[in-house]
Amino acid sequence: MKKISYVLMVLLVLVVFTSGCTIQNPDEQKPNYYNFSSVFFNYPDTWEIARSIEVAGVEAVIITDPTASKYINESSSLEELESLNITEGTVFIYIMIPKTSEVNLNSTVTDVQQRLAQKGAKVTKTGTTTVSGIVANETTLTRTSEAITSEGKIIAFERNDNVYALILITAGNNYESQKKNFDVILNSLRFI
């Protein structure tokens, strides 16, 4: 179970973060609604669900702006997702992993940071933030590849018997250019 959970989470993060993205204009967007299992949140109305996955108790969804969604389709297998080359767009990834004696908040954050470091990402800041009233670890990373600087945040926390990872990624511009879009998601995220 641990191996499947880590592989799925890292696979989703690496597909997007190591490829690079460009930015969409976030002005005046109305939110859409995502609801699955015990979580719901809004997302910008021009964004779409590019892929949702439920395997061995792990839930994941990739929500993108239209330019990034063309690289991901619902029929992509997990192995195909690893080889995708997303070169434009803005992405939000939600992952829920059942907590075990081996899978917890610290192990998840450490594992993701190590795997991203292998792909050239550097941790530029660590700290905490609050999501839906829960104090969460926040890790900011950057990566430059082919003259595109990607910025990403991994927000991770435990709730009940699960570990949650929220991954927010932009490229070609700084994170602040998409903060309004990410705030639509983060400010509306709730658990049922």
Protein backbone atom coordinates (compact mmCIF):
# COMPACT_ATOMS: atom_id res chain seq x y z
CA MET A 1 0.00 0.00 0.00
CA LYS A 2 2.81 2.43 0.91
CA LYS A 3 4.53 1.86 -2.41
CA ILE A 4 1.34 2.39 -4.44
CA SER A 5 0.49 5.56 -2.49
CA TYR A 6 3.92 7.10 -2.87
CA VAL A 7 4.21 6.09 -6.51
CA LEU A 8 0.83 7.63 -7.35
CA MET A 9 1.50 10.86 -5.48
CA VAL A 10 5.02 11.33 -6.76
CA LEU A 11 3.96 10.38 -10.28
CA LEU A 12 1.31 13.09 -10.36
CA VAL A 13 3.66 15.73 -8.96
CA LEU A 14 6.55 14.83 -11.26
CA VAL A 15 4.39 14.76 -14.40
CA VAL A 16 3.47 18.35 -13.93
CA PHE A 17 6.36 19.92 -12.00
CA THR A 18 9.20 18.61 -14.13
CA SER A 19 7.60 19.65 -17.41
CA GLY A 20 7.03 23.37 -17.07
CA CYS A 21 3.97 25.56 -17.65
CA THR A 22 2.80 28.98 -18.86
CA ILE A 23 0.25 31.21 -17.25
CA GLN A 24 -3.39 31.98 -17.97
CA ASN A 25 -5.10 35.26 -17.08
CA PRO A 26 -6.92 34.73 -13.75
CA ASP A 27 -9.16 37.82 -13.92
CA GLU A 28 -12.83 37.56 -12.92
CA GLN A 29 -13.40 33.83 -13.01
CA LYS A 30 -16.43 32.12 -11.51
CA PRO A 31 -15.70 28.94 -9.60
CA ASN A 32 -16.72 25.40 -10.47
CA TYR A 33 -17.39 22.87 -7.76
CA TYR A 34 -15.49 19.63 -7.01
CA ASN A 35 -17.00 17.12 -4.61
CA PHE A 36 -15.74 13.59 -4.04
CA SER A 37 -15.71 11.35 -1.01
CA SER A 38 -15.38 13.67 1.99
CA VAL A 39 -13.89 16.81 0.38
CA PHE A 40 -15.23 19.65 -1.70
CA PHE A 41 -13.79 22.85 -3.13
CA ASN A 42 -14.39 25.41 -5.85
CA TYR A 43 -12.04 25.97 -8.76
CA PRO A 44 -11.93 28.69 -11.47
CA ASP A 45 -14.62 28.28 -14.13
CA THR A 46 -12.15 28.24 -17.02
CA TRP A 47 -10.25 25.35 -15.43
CA GLU A 48 -11.27 21.73 -15.81
CA ILE A 49 -10.78 18.35 -14.25
CA ALA A 50 -8.10 16.80 -16.43
CA ARG A 51 -7.78 13.48 -14.59
CA SER A 52 -9.21 11.82 -11.52
CA ILE A 53 -7.86 8.62 -10.03
CA GLU A 54 -8.96 6.28 -7.26
CA VAL A 55 -6.62 3.34 -6.67
CA ALA A 56 -6.17 1.27 -3.50
CA GLY A 57 -7.81 3.91 -1.30
CA VAL A 58 -5.79 6.76 -2.78
CA GLU A 59 -7.84 9.59 -4.28
CA ALA A 60 -6.34 12.12 -6.66
CA VAL A 61 -7.56 14.77 -9.07
CA ILE A 62 -5.64 17.02 -11.45
CA ILE A 63 -7.36 20.33 -12.24
CA THR A 64 -5.80 22.51 -14.92
CA ASP A 65 -6.37 25.55 -17.01
CA PRO A 66 -7.34 24.63 -20.61
CA THR A 67 -3.79 24.78 -21.99
CA ALA A 68 -2.45 22.15 -19.61
CA SER A 69 -5.47 19.85 -19.86
CA LYS A 70 -4.67 18.91 -23.45
CA TYR A 71 -1.68 16.90 -22.18
CA ILE A 72 -3.74 14.70 -19.86
CA ASN A 73 -6.75 12.59 -20.72
CA GLU A 74 -9.03 10.40 -18.65
CA SER A 75 -7.85 7.23 -20.40
CA SER A 76 -4.15 7.77 -19.61
CA SER A 77 -2.75 4.94 -17.53
CA LEU A 78 -0.53 5.74 -14.56
CA GLU A 79 2.49 4.65 -16.57
CA GLU A 80 1.53 7.01 -19.43
CA LEU A 81 1.11 9.93 -17.03
CA GLU A 82 4.74 9.58 -15.96
CA SER A 83 5.98 10.12 -19.52
CA LEU A 84 3.77 13.11 -20.38
CA ASN A 85 5.51 16.36 -21.21
CA ILE A 86 3.28 19.22 -20.08
CA THR A 87 4.86 22.39 -21.42
CA GLU A 88 2.15 24.95 -20.75
CA GLY A 89 -0.59 25.64 -18.24
CA THR A 90 -1.32 26.02 -14.56
CA VAL A 91 -2.10 22.99 -12.42
CA PHE A 92 -3.62 22.06 -9.05
CA ILE A 93 -3.34 18.48 -7.78
CA TYR A 94 -5.31 17.11 -4.83
CA ILE A 95 -4.17 13.80 -3.31
CA MET A 96 -5.55 11.88 -0.33
CA ILE A 97 -3.60 8.86 0.97
CA PRO A 98 -4.74 6.60 3.81
CA LYS A 99 -2.35 6.99 6.75
CA THR A 100 -0.50 3.87 7.90
CA SER A 101 2.37 3.18 10.27
CA GLU A 102 4.72 3.92 7.34
CA VAL A 103 2.77 6.69 5.58
CA ASN A 104 2.38 9.86 7.61
CA LEU A 105 2.81 13.58 7.15
CA ASN A 106 6.58 13.66 7.70
CA SER A 107 7.32 10.66 5.49
CA THR A 108 5.13 12.04 2.71
CA VAL A 109 6.72 15.51 2.73
CA THR A 110 10.25 14.06 2.90
CA ASP A 111 9.59 11.60 0.09
CA VAL A 112 8.11 14.22 -2.26
CA GLN A 113 10.97 16.67 -1.58
CA GLN A 114 13.61 14.00 -2.25
CA ARG A 115 11.99 12.84 -5.47
CA LEU A 116 11.57 16.38 -6.78
CA ALA A 117 15.20 17.16 -5.88
CA GLN A 118 16.21 14.26 -8.13
CA LYS A 119 14.41 16.07 -10.97
CA GLY A 120 16.21 19.36 -10.31
CA ALA A 121 13.68 21.11 -8.04
CA LYS A 122 15.08 23.04 -5.12
CA VAL A 123 13.26 23.77 -1.88
CA THR A 124 13.32 27.55 -1.43
CA LYS A 125 11.13 27.89 1.65
CA THR A 126 9.39 25.77 4.26
CA GLY A 127 6.82 26.81 6.80
CA THR A 128 3.21 26.35 7.78
CA THR A 129 -0.15 27.59 6.53
CA THR A 130 -3.76 26.94 7.44
CA VAL A 131 -6.16 25.08 5.15
CA SER A 132 -9.77 24.56 6.20
CA GLY A 133 -8.80 25.30 9.79
CA ILE A 134 -5.97 22.74 9.76
CA VAL A 135 -2.32 23.73 10.23
CA ALA A 136 -0.39 22.33 7.26
CA ASN A 137 3.24 22.07 6.16
CA GLU A 138 3.99 24.32 3.20
CA THR A 139 7.01 23.74 0.98
CA THR A 140 7.90 26.10 -1.86
CA LEU A 141 10.03 24.72 -4.70
CA THR A 142 11.52 26.10 -7.90
CA ARG A 143 12.97 24.42 -10.96
CA THR A 144 14.48 25.88 -14.12
CA SER A 145 14.51 23.83 -17.29
CA GLU A 146 14.90 25.04 -20.86
CA ALA A 147 14.66 28.69 -19.72
CA ILE A 148 11.30 28.09 -17.98
CA THR A 149 11.26 28.65 -14.25
CA SER A 150 8.57 26.60 -12.51
CA GLU A 151 7.32 27.48 -9.06
CA GLY A 152 5.32 25.10 -6.96
CA LYS A 153 3.92 24.70 -3.49
CA ILE A 154 3.21 21.47 -1.70
CA ILE A 155 0.75 21.88 1.14
CA ALA A 156 0.51 18.71 3.23
CA PHE A 157 -1.45 17.83 6.34
CA GLU A 158 -3.06 14.96 8.21
CA ARG A 159 -6.75 14.77 8.98
CA ASN A 160 -8.36 11.79 10.66
CA ASP A 161 -6.78 8.69 9.10
CA ASN A 162 -5.49 10.36 5.92
CA VAL A 163 -2.56 12.36 4.61
CA TYR A 164 -3.48 15.13 2.16
CA ALA A 165 -1.18 16.77 -0.36
CA LEU A 166 -2.22 19.84 -2.33
CA ILE A 167 0.20 20.69 -5.14
CA LEU A 168 0.02 24.10 -6.86
CA ILE A 169 2.25 24.70 -9.89
CA THR A 170 2.99 27.59 -12.27
CA ALA A 171 5.81 28.32 -14.73
CA GLY A 172 7.03 31.09 -16.98
CA ASN A 173 5.85 33.53 -14.34
CA ASN A 174 5.87 33.62 -10.58
CA TYR A 175 3.43 31.90 -8.25
CA GLU A 176 1.83 35.23 -7.37
CA SER A 177 0.43 35.53 -10.91
CA GLN A 178 -1.86 32.56 -10.19
CA LYS A 179 -2.42 33.16 -6.47
CA LYS A 180 -5.96 34.41 -7.13
CA ASN A 181 -6.85 31.13 -8.86
CA PHE A 182 -5.22 28.98 -6.18
CA ASP A 183 -6.96 31.00 -3.47
CA VAL A 184 -10.35 30.11 -5.02
CA ILE A 185 -9.48 26.47 -4.31
CA LEU A 186 -7.70 26.82 -0.97
CA ASN A 187 -10.22 29.21 0.57
CA SER A 188 -13.17 26.99 -0.34
CA LEU A 189 -11.70 23.58 0.57
CA ARG A 190 -13.91 21.86 3.15
CA PHE A 191 -14.35 18.40 4.58
CA ILE A 192 -17.75 16.81 5.05
